[in-house]
Amino acid sequence: MSIHLVIIDALNLIRRVHAVQPDPTDIDRTIQTTSRTLHRILNEANPTHIIAVFDHHEQDRGWRGELLPEYKQNRKLCPSLCSMA
């Protein structure tokens, strides 16, 4: 049996979905849209294994910031939903 791995940058997905919502305070809609997006990814990819990764909540910019000083330099603060991740 071959392995088909899907790796999801979960916090990035949540941020991107939230950014396009018409009402930034409608967290329920962000959750529903993110869930639909995940289901679509999984249905299309049909993976045998899934990994969802999140940035650590205590890291400001993490290892990417060390490699790329401009990483997240102009990023808006994450909504309260992201702090739950």
PDB file of N, CA and C in Angstrom:
ATOM      1  N   MET A   1       0.854  -1.192   0.000  1.00  0.00           N
ATOM      2  CA  MET A   1       0.000   0.000   0.000  1.00  0.00           C
ATOM      3  C   MET A   1       0.893   1.246   0.000  1.00  0.00           C
ATOM      4  N   SER A   2       0.622   2.141  -0.898  1.00  0.00           N
ATOM      5  CA  SER A   2       1.414   3.378  -0.937  1.00  0.00           C
ATOM      6  C   SER A   2       0.783   4.428  -0.020  1.00  0.00           C
ATOM      7  N   ILE A   3       1.615   5.311   0.438  1.00  0.00           N
ATOM      8  CA  ILE A   3       1.177   6.380   1.342  1.00  0.00           C
ATOM      9  C   ILE A   3       0.974   7.656   0.553  1.00  0.00           C
ATOM     10  N   HIS A   4      -0.142   8.283   0.787  1.00  0.00           N
ATOM     11  CA  HIS A   4      -0.437   9.587   0.182  1.00  0.00           C
ATOM     12  C   HIS A   4      -0.663  10.567   1.339  1.00  0.00           C
ATOM     13  N   LEU A   5       0.359  11.348   1.611  1.00  0.00           N
ATOM     14  CA  LEU A   5       0.361  12.254   2.754  1.00  0.00           C
ATOM     15  C   LEU A   5      -0.073  13.661   2.338  1.00  0.00           C
ATOM     16  N   VAL A   6      -0.973  14.254   3.099  1.00  0.00           N
ATOM     17  CA  VAL A   6      -1.362  15.649   2.913  1.00  0.00           C
ATOM     18  C   VAL A   6      -0.951  16.395   4.178  1.00  0.00           C
ATOM     19  N   ILE A   7      -0.171  17.462   3.986  1.00  0.00           N
ATOM     20  CA  ILE A   7       0.240  18.319   5.090  1.00  0.00           C
ATOM     21  C   ILE A   7      -0.481  19.649   4.936  1.00  0.00           C
ATOM     22  N   ILE A   8      -1.171  20.059   5.990  1.00  0.00           N
ATOM     23  CA  ILE A   8      -1.956  21.295   5.948  1.00  0.00           C
ATOM     24  C   ILE A   8      -1.366  22.310   6.917  1.00  0.00           C
ATOM     25  N   ASP A   9      -1.047  23.475   6.402  1.00  0.00           N
ATOM     26  CA  ASP A   9      -0.616  24.600   7.242  1.00  0.00           C
ATOM     27  C   ASP A   9      -1.909  25.201   7.799  1.00  0.00           C
ATOM     28  N   ALA A  10      -2.364  24.643   8.904  1.00  0.00           N
ATOM     29  CA  ALA A  10      -3.701  24.923   9.424  1.00  0.00           C
ATOM     30  C   ALA A  10      -3.909  26.388   9.798  1.00  0.00           C
ATOM     31  N   LEU A  11      -2.964  26.973  10.482  1.00  0.00           N
ATOM     32  CA  LEU A  11      -3.139  28.372  10.890  1.00  0.00           C
ATOM     33  C   LEU A  11      -3.175  29.280   9.665  1.00  0.00           C
ATOM     34  N   ASN A  12      -2.358  28.982   8.671  1.00  0.00           N
ATOM     35  CA  ASN A  12      -2.380  29.757   7.434  1.00  0.00           C
ATOM     36  C   ASN A  12      -3.737  29.629   6.750  1.00  0.00           C
ATOM     37  N   LEU A  13      -4.286  28.433   6.716  1.00  0.00           N
ATOM     38  CA  LEU A  13      -5.601  28.220   6.117  1.00  0.00           C
ATOM     39  C   LEU A  13      -6.659  29.035   6.851  1.00  0.00           C
ATOM     40  N   ILE A  14      -6.651  28.982   8.178  1.00  0.00           N
ATOM     41  CA  ILE A  14      -7.627  29.745   8.968  1.00  0.00           C
ATOM     42  C   ILE A  14      -7.485  31.239   8.697  1.00  0.00           C
ATOM     43  N   ARG A  15      -6.263  31.737   8.681  1.00  0.00           N
ATOM     44  CA  ARG A  15      -6.023  33.170   8.428  1.00  0.00           C
ATOM     45  C   ARG A  15      -6.533  33.581   7.056  1.00  0.00           C
ATOM     46  N   ARG A  16      -6.257  32.765   6.038  1.00  0.00           N
ATOM     47  CA  ARG A  16      -6.686  33.095   4.677  1.00  0.00           C
ATOM     48  C   ARG A  16      -8.208  33.084   4.546  1.00  0.00           C
ATOM     49  N   VAL A  17      -8.847  32.095   5.141  1.00  0.00           N
ATOM     50  CA  VAL A  17     -10.316  32.040   5.105  1.00  0.00           C
ATOM     51  C   VAL A  17     -10.886  33.254   5.828  1.00  0.00           C
ATOM     52  N   HIS A  18     -10.351  33.560   6.992  1.00  0.00           N
ATOM     53  CA  HIS A  18     -10.847  34.697   7.770  1.00  0.00           C
ATOM     54  C   HIS A  18     -10.675  36.014   7.014  1.00  0.00           C
ATOM     55  N   ALA A  19      -9.572  36.152   6.295  1.00  0.00           N
ATOM     56  CA  ALA A  19      -9.273  37.400   5.596  1.00  0.00           C
ATOM     57  C   ALA A  19     -10.292  37.732   4.506  1.00  0.00           C
ATOM     58  N   VAL A  20     -10.950  36.741   3.944  1.00  0.00           N
ATOM     59  CA  VAL A  20     -11.902  36.996   2.860  1.00  0.00           C
ATOM     60  C   VAL A  20     -13.358  37.012   3.323  1.00  0.00           C
ATOM     61  N   GLN A  21     -13.586  36.861   4.611  1.00  0.00           N
ATOM     62  CA  GLN A  21     -14.955  36.893   5.123  1.00  0.00           C
ATOM     63  C   GLN A  21     -15.485  38.328   5.101  1.00  0.00           C
ATOM     64  N   PRO A  22     -16.739  38.516   4.696  1.00  0.00           N
ATOM     65  CA  PRO A  22     -17.291  39.871   4.648  1.00  0.00           C
ATOM     66  C   PRO A  22     -17.410  40.522   6.034  1.00  0.00           C
ATOM     67  N   ASP A  23     -17.650  39.709   7.054  1.00  0.00           N
ATOM     68  CA  ASP A  23     -17.771  40.233   8.418  1.00  0.00           C
ATOM     69  C   ASP A  23     -16.681  39.603   9.277  1.00  0.00           C
ATOM     70  N   PRO A  24     -15.612  40.353   9.586  1.00  0.00           N
ATOM     71  CA  PRO A  24     -14.494  39.772  10.343  1.00  0.00           C
ATOM     72  C   PRO A  24     -14.865  39.328  11.758  1.00  0.00           C
ATOM     73  N   THR A  25     -16.022  39.744  12.257  1.00  0.00           N
ATOM     74  CA  THR A  25     -16.442  39.314  13.598  1.00  0.00           C
ATOM     75  C   THR A  25     -17.249  38.015  13.568  1.00  0.00           C
ATOM     76  N   ASP A  26     -17.584  37.539  12.375  1.00  0.00           N
ATOM     77  CA  ASP A  26     -18.381  36.316  12.238  1.00  0.00           C
ATOM     78  C   ASP A  26     -17.468  35.091  12.265  1.00  0.00           C
ATOM     79  N   ILE A  27     -17.060  34.713  13.456  1.00  0.00           N
ATOM     80  CA  ILE A  27     -16.127  33.597  13.631  1.00  0.00           C
ATOM     81  C   ILE A  27     -16.783  32.265  13.226  1.00  0.00           C
ATOM     82  N   ASP A  28     -18.091  32.138  13.462  1.00  0.00           N
ATOM     83  CA  ASP A  28     -18.778  30.903  13.074  1.00  0.00           C
ATOM     84  C   ASP A  28     -18.661  30.659  11.568  1.00  0.00           C
ATOM     85  N   ARG A  29     -18.793  31.718  10.785  1.00  0.00           N
ATOM     86  CA  ARG A  29     -18.673  31.574   9.335  1.00  0.00           C
ATOM     87  C   ARG A  29     -17.246  31.180   8.957  1.00  0.00           C
ATOM     88  N   THR A  30     -16.261  31.743   9.636  1.00  0.00           N
ATOM     89  CA  THR A  30     -14.873  31.367   9.377  1.00  0.00           C
ATOM     90  C   THR A  30     -14.668  29.882   9.666  1.00  0.00           C
ATOM     91  N   ILE A  31     -15.218  29.412  10.766  1.00  0.00           N
ATOM     92  CA  ILE A  31     -15.091  27.996  11.121  1.00  0.00           C
ATOM     93  C   ILE A  31     -15.777  27.112  10.082  1.00  0.00           C
ATOM     94  N   GLN A  32     -16.986  27.472   9.682  1.00  0.00           N
ATOM     95  CA  GLN A  32     -17.724  26.680   8.693  1.00  0.00           C
ATOM     96  C   GLN A  32     -17.004  26.650   7.348  1.00  0.00           C
ATOM     97  N   THR A  33     -16.500  27.797   6.908  1.00  0.00           N
ATOM     98  CA  THR A  33     -15.798  27.870   5.629  1.00  0.00           C
ATOM     99  C   THR A  33     -14.494  27.087   5.675  1.00  0.00           C
ATOM    100  N   THR A  34     -13.776  27.192   6.787  1.00  0.00           N
ATOM    101  CA  THR A  34     -12.539  26.426   6.944  1.00  0.00           C
ATOM    102  C   THR A  34     -12.832  24.931   6.910  1.00  0.00           C
ATOM    103  N   SER A  35     -13.890  24.524   7.582  1.00  0.00           N
ATOM    104  CA  SER A  35     -14.279  23.114   7.601  1.00  0.00           C
ATOM    105  C   SER A  35     -14.620  22.623   6.195  1.00  0.00           C
ATOM    106  N   ARG A  36     -15.389  23.404   5.443  1.00  0.00           N
ATOM    107  CA  ARG A  36     -15.728  23.027   4.070  1.00  0.00           C
ATOM    108  C   ARG A  36     -14.475  22.925   3.201  1.00  0.00           C
ATOM    109  N   THR A  37     -13.552  23.854   3.404  1.00  0.00           N
ATOM    110  CA  THR A  37     -12.306  23.845   2.634  1.00  0.00           C
ATOM    111  C   THR A  37     -11.494  22.593   2.946  1.00  0.00           C
ATOM    112  N   LEU A  38     -11.403  22.240   4.227  1.00  0.00           N
ATOM    113  CA  LEU A  38     -10.679  21.019   4.613  1.00  0.00           C
ATOM    114  C   LEU A  38     -11.322  19.776   3.999  1.00  0.00           C
ATOM    115  N   HIS A  39     -12.642  19.705   4.047  1.00  0.00           N
ATOM    116  CA  HIS A  39     -13.347  18.559   3.454  1.00  0.00           C
ATOM    117  C   HIS A  39     -13.071  18.476   1.954  1.00  0.00           C
ATOM    118  N   ARG A  40     -13.047  19.621   1.289  1.00  0.00           N
ATOM    119  CA  ARG A  40     -12.778  19.631  -0.150  1.00  0.00           C
ATOM    120  C   ARG A  40     -11.354  19.135  -0.440  1.00  0.00           C
ATOM    121  N   ILE A  41     -10.398  19.632   0.329  1.00  0.00           N
ATOM    122  CA  ILE A  41      -9.009  19.194   0.163  1.00  0.00           C
ATOM    123  C   ILE A  41      -8.918  17.679   0.337  1.00  0.00           C
ATOM    124  N   LEU A  42      -9.521  17.168   1.386  1.00  0.00           N
ATOM    125  CA  LEU A  42      -9.441  15.737   1.681  1.00  0.00           C
ATOM    126  C   LEU A  42     -10.177  14.894   0.643  1.00  0.00           C
ATOM    127  N   ASN A  43     -11.324  15.377   0.170  1.00  0.00           N
ATOM    128  CA  ASN A  43     -12.065  14.629  -0.856  1.00  0.00           C
ATOM    129  C   ASN A  43     -11.316  14.592  -2.175  1.00  0.00           C
ATOM    130  N   GLU A  44     -10.661  15.707  -2.533  1.00  0.00           N
ATOM    131  CA  GLU A  44      -9.941  15.752  -3.801  1.00  0.00           C
ATOM    132  C   GLU A  44      -8.606  15.006  -3.724  1.00  0.00           C
ATOM    133  N   ALA A  45      -7.931  15.110  -2.592  1.00  0.00           N
ATOM    134  CA  ALA A  45      -6.613  14.483  -2.455  1.00  0.00           C
ATOM    135  C   ALA A  45      -6.712  13.006  -2.087  1.00  0.00           C
ATOM    136  N   ASN A  46      -7.765  12.634  -1.389  1.00  0.00           N
ATOM    137  CA  ASN A  46      -7.973  11.258  -0.940  1.00  0.00           C
ATOM    138  C   ASN A  46      -6.716  10.681  -0.269  1.00  0.00           C
ATOM    139  N   PRO A  47      -6.245  11.351   0.797  1.00  0.00           N
ATOM    140  CA  PRO A  47      -4.990  10.914   1.420  1.00  0.00           C
ATOM    141  C   PRO A  47      -5.171   9.680   2.304  1.00  0.00           C
ATOM    142  N   THR A  48      -4.043   9.002   2.523  1.00  0.00           N
ATOM    143  CA  THR A  48      -4.034   7.917   3.501  1.00  0.00           C
ATOM    144  C   THR A  48      -3.633   8.448   4.875  1.00  0.00           C
ATOM    145  N   HIS A  49      -2.916   9.579   4.878  1.00  0.00           N
ATOM    146  CA  HIS A  49      -2.440  10.189   6.113  1.00  0.00           C
ATOM    147  C   HIS A  49      -2.563  11.711   5.998  1.00  0.00           C
ATOM    148  N   ILE A  50      -2.810  12.356   7.138  1.00  0.00           N
ATOM    149  CA  ILE A  50      -2.974  13.813   7.171  1.00  0.00           C
ATOM    150  C   ILE A  50      -2.192  14.366   8.353  1.00  0.00           C
ATOM    151  N   ILE A  51      -1.507  15.478   8.124  1.00  0.00           N
ATOM    152  CA  ILE A  51      -0.840  16.202   9.201  1.00  0.00           C
ATOM    153  C   ILE A  51      -1.295  17.654   9.111  1.00  0.00           C
ATOM    154  N   ALA A  52      -1.746  18.208  10.222  1.00  0.00           N
ATOM    155  CA  ALA A  52      -2.078  19.631  10.297  1.00  0.00           C
ATOM    156  C   ALA A  52      -1.057  20.282  11.220  1.00  0.00           C
ATOM    157  N   VAL A  53      -0.416  21.328  10.742  1.00  0.00           N
ATOM    158  CA  VAL A  53       0.612  22.004  11.535  1.00  0.00           C
ATOM    159  C   VAL A  53       0.153  23.418  11.888  1.00  0.00           C
ATOM    160  N   PHE A  54       0.582  23.867  13.049  1.00  0.00           N
ATOM    161  CA  PHE A  54       0.275  25.200  13.552  1.00  0.00           C
ATOM    162  C   PHE A  54       1.564  25.848  14.032  1.00  0.00           C
ATOM    163  N   ASP A  55       1.648  27.176  13.912  1.00  0.00           N
ATOM    164  CA  ASP A  55       2.735  27.897  14.566  1.00  0.00           C
ATOM    165  C   ASP A  55       2.486  27.838  16.065  1.00  0.00           C
ATOM    166  N   HIS A  56       3.537  27.815  16.834  1.00  0.00           N
ATOM    167  CA  HIS A  56       3.383  27.816  18.288  1.00  0.00           C
ATOM    168  C   HIS A  56       2.893  29.183  18.742  1.00  0.00           C
ATOM    169  N   HIS A  57       1.958  29.224  19.658  1.00  0.00           N
ATOM    170  CA  HIS A  57       1.352  30.488  20.080  1.00  0.00           C
ATOM    171  C   HIS A  57       2.334  31.422  20.792  1.00  0.00           C
ATOM    172  N   GLU A  58       3.427  30.897  21.303  1.00  0.00           N
ATOM    173  CA  GLU A  58       4.388  31.752  21.995  1.00  0.00           C
ATOM    174  C   GLU A  58       5.495  32.260  21.068  1.00  0.00           C
ATOM    175  N   GLN A  59       5.513  31.798  19.833  1.00  0.00           N
ATOM    176  CA  GLN A  59       6.535  32.247  18.896  1.00  0.00           C
ATOM    177  C   GLN A  59       6.046  33.483  18.165  1.00  0.00           C
ATOM    178  N   ASP A  60       6.901  34.495  18.133  1.00  0.00           N
ATOM    179  CA  ASP A  60       6.552  35.699  17.400  1.00  0.00           C
ATOM    180  C   ASP A  60       6.677  35.454  15.901  1.00  0.00           C
ATOM    181  N   ARG A  61       7.843  34.991  15.483  1.00  0.00           N
ATOM    182  CA  ARG A  61       8.070  34.773  14.065  1.00  0.00           C
ATOM    183  C   ARG A  61       8.718  33.426  13.783  1.00  0.00           C
ATOM    184  N   GLY A  62       9.128  32.703  14.789  1.00  0.00           N
ATOM    185  CA  GLY A  62       9.664  31.360  14.629  1.00  0.00           C
ATOM    186  C   GLY A  62      10.904  31.278  13.769  1.00  0.00           C
ATOM    187  N   TRP A  63      11.193  30.074  13.304  1.00  0.00           N
ATOM    188  CA  TRP A  63      12.412  29.839  12.529  1.00  0.00           C
ATOM    189  C   TRP A  63      12.386  30.540  11.187  1.00  0.00           C
ATOM    190  N   ARG A  64      11.186  30.753  10.625  1.00  0.00           N
ATOM    191  CA  ARG A  64      11.118  31.456   9.345  1.00  0.00           C
ATOM    192  C   ARG A  64      11.603  32.889   9.492  1.00  0.00           C
ATOM    193  N   GLY A  65      11.276  33.502  10.620  1.00  0.00           N
ATOM    194  CA  GLY A  65      11.723  34.864  10.878  1.00  0.00           C
ATOM    195  C   GLY A  65      13.234  34.972  11.004  1.00  0.00           C
ATOM    196  N   GLU A  66      13.844  33.914  11.498  1.00  0.00           N
ATOM    197  CA  GLU A  66      15.302  33.910  11.586  1.00  0.00           C
ATOM    198  C   GLU A  66      15.937  33.812  10.195  1.00  0.00           C
ATOM    199  N   LEU A  67      15.328  33.000   9.327  1.00  0.00           N
ATOM    200  CA  LEU A  67      15.855  32.842   7.974  1.00  0.00           C
ATOM    201  C   LEU A  67      15.508  34.021   7.068  1.00  0.00           C
ATOM    202  N   LEU A  68      14.305  34.552   7.239  1.00  0.00           N
ATOM    203  CA  LEU A  68      13.814  35.660   6.406  1.00  0.00           C
ATOM    204  C   LEU A  68      13.351  36.791   7.317  1.00  0.00           C
ATOM    205  N   PRO A  69      14.190  37.771   7.586  1.00  0.00           N
ATOM    206  CA  PRO A  69      13.840  38.839   8.524  1.00  0.00           C
ATOM    207  C   PRO A  69      12.530  39.566   8.185  1.00  0.00           C
ATOM    208  N   GLU A  70      12.141  39.601   6.909  1.00  0.00           N
ATOM    209  CA  GLU A  70      10.915  40.300   6.527  1.00  0.00           C
ATOM    210  C   GLU A  70       9.653  39.443   6.686  1.00  0.00           C
ATOM    211  N   TYR A  71       9.828  38.165   7.102  1.00  0.00           N
ATOM    212  CA  TYR A  71       8.690  37.264   7.269  1.00  0.00           C
ATOM    213  C   TYR A  71       7.714  37.815   8.312  1.00  0.00           C
ATOM    214  N   LYS A  72       6.463  37.899   7.952  1.00  0.00           N
ATOM    215  CA  LYS A  72       5.365  38.392   8.802  1.00  0.00           C
ATOM    216  C   LYS A  72       5.564  39.841   9.240  1.00  0.00           C
ATOM    217  N   GLN A  73       6.423  40.570   8.574  1.00  0.00           N
ATOM    218  CA  GLN A  73       6.747  41.923   9.002  1.00  0.00           C
ATOM    219  C   GLN A  73       5.532  42.845   8.988  1.00  0.00           C
ATOM    220  N   ASN A  74       4.694  42.732   7.971  1.00  0.00           N
ATOM    221  CA  ASN A  74       3.545  43.626   7.839  1.00  0.00           C
ATOM    222  C   ASN A  74       2.214  42.916   8.046  1.00  0.00           C
ATOM    223  N   ARG A  75       2.249  41.750   8.675  1.00  0.00           N
ATOM    224  CA  ARG A  75       1.025  40.973   8.860  1.00  0.00           C
ATOM    225  C   ARG A  75       0.160  41.582   9.959  1.00  0.00           C
ATOM    226  N   LYS A  76      -1.138  41.630   9.690  1.00  0.00           N
ATOM    227  CA  LYS A  76      -2.088  42.104  10.694  1.00  0.00           C
ATOM    228  C   LYS A  76      -2.154  41.092  11.833  1.00  0.00           C
ATOM    229  N   LEU A  77      -2.577  41.558  12.995  1.00  0.00           N
ATOM    230  CA  LEU A  77      -2.747  40.650  14.127  1.00  0.00           C
ATOM    231  C   LEU A  77      -3.797  39.610  13.792  1.00  0.00           C
ATOM    232  N   CYS A  78      -3.592  38.425  14.303  1.00  0.00           N
ATOM    233  CA  CYS A  78      -4.516  37.330  14.061  1.00  0.00           C
ATOM    234  C   CYS A  78      -5.773  37.521  14.910  1.00  0.00           C
ATOM    235  N   PRO A  79      -6.948  37.210  14.364  1.00  0.00           N
ATOM    236  CA  PRO A  79      -8.175  37.314  15.157  1.00  0.00           C
ATOM    237  C   PRO A  79      -8.159  36.328  16.324  1.00  0.00           C
ATOM    238  N   SER A  80      -9.089  36.493  17.223  1.00  0.00           N
ATOM    239  CA  SER A  80      -9.133  35.652  18.414  1.00  0.00           C
ATOM    240  C   SER A  80      -9.260  34.170  18.076  1.00  0.00           C
ATOM    241  N   LEU A  81      -9.843  33.850  16.942  1.00  0.00           N
ATOM    242  CA  LEU A  81      -9.962  32.455  16.518  1.00  0.00           C
ATOM    243  C   LEU A  81      -8.596  31.809  16.390  1.00  0.00           C
ATOM    244  N   CYS A  82      -7.622  32.544  15.852  1.00  0.00           N
ATOM    245  CA  CYS A  82      -6.284  31.986  15.642  1.00  0.00           C
ATOM    246  C   CYS A  82      -5.587  31.705  16.965  1.00  0.00           C
ATOM    247  N   SER A  83      -5.909  32.450  17.989  1.00  0.00           N
ATOM    248  CA  SER A  83      -5.255  32.214  19.273  1.00  0.00           C
ATOM    249  C   SER A  83      -5.754  30.926  19.924  1.00  0.00           C
ATOM    250  N   MET A  84      -6.861  30.368  19.419  1.00  0.00           N
ATOM    251  CA  MET A  84      -7.383  29.109  19.940  1.00  0.00           C
ATOM    252  C   MET A  84      -6.612  27.939  19.362  1.00  0.00           C
ATOM    253  N   ALA A  85      -5.911  28.145  18.257  1.00  0.00           N
ATOM    254  CA  ALA A  85      -5.202  27.045  17.581  1.00  0.00           C
ATOM    255  C   ALA A  85      -3.993  26.601  18.359  1.00  0.00           C
TER     256      ALA A  85
END
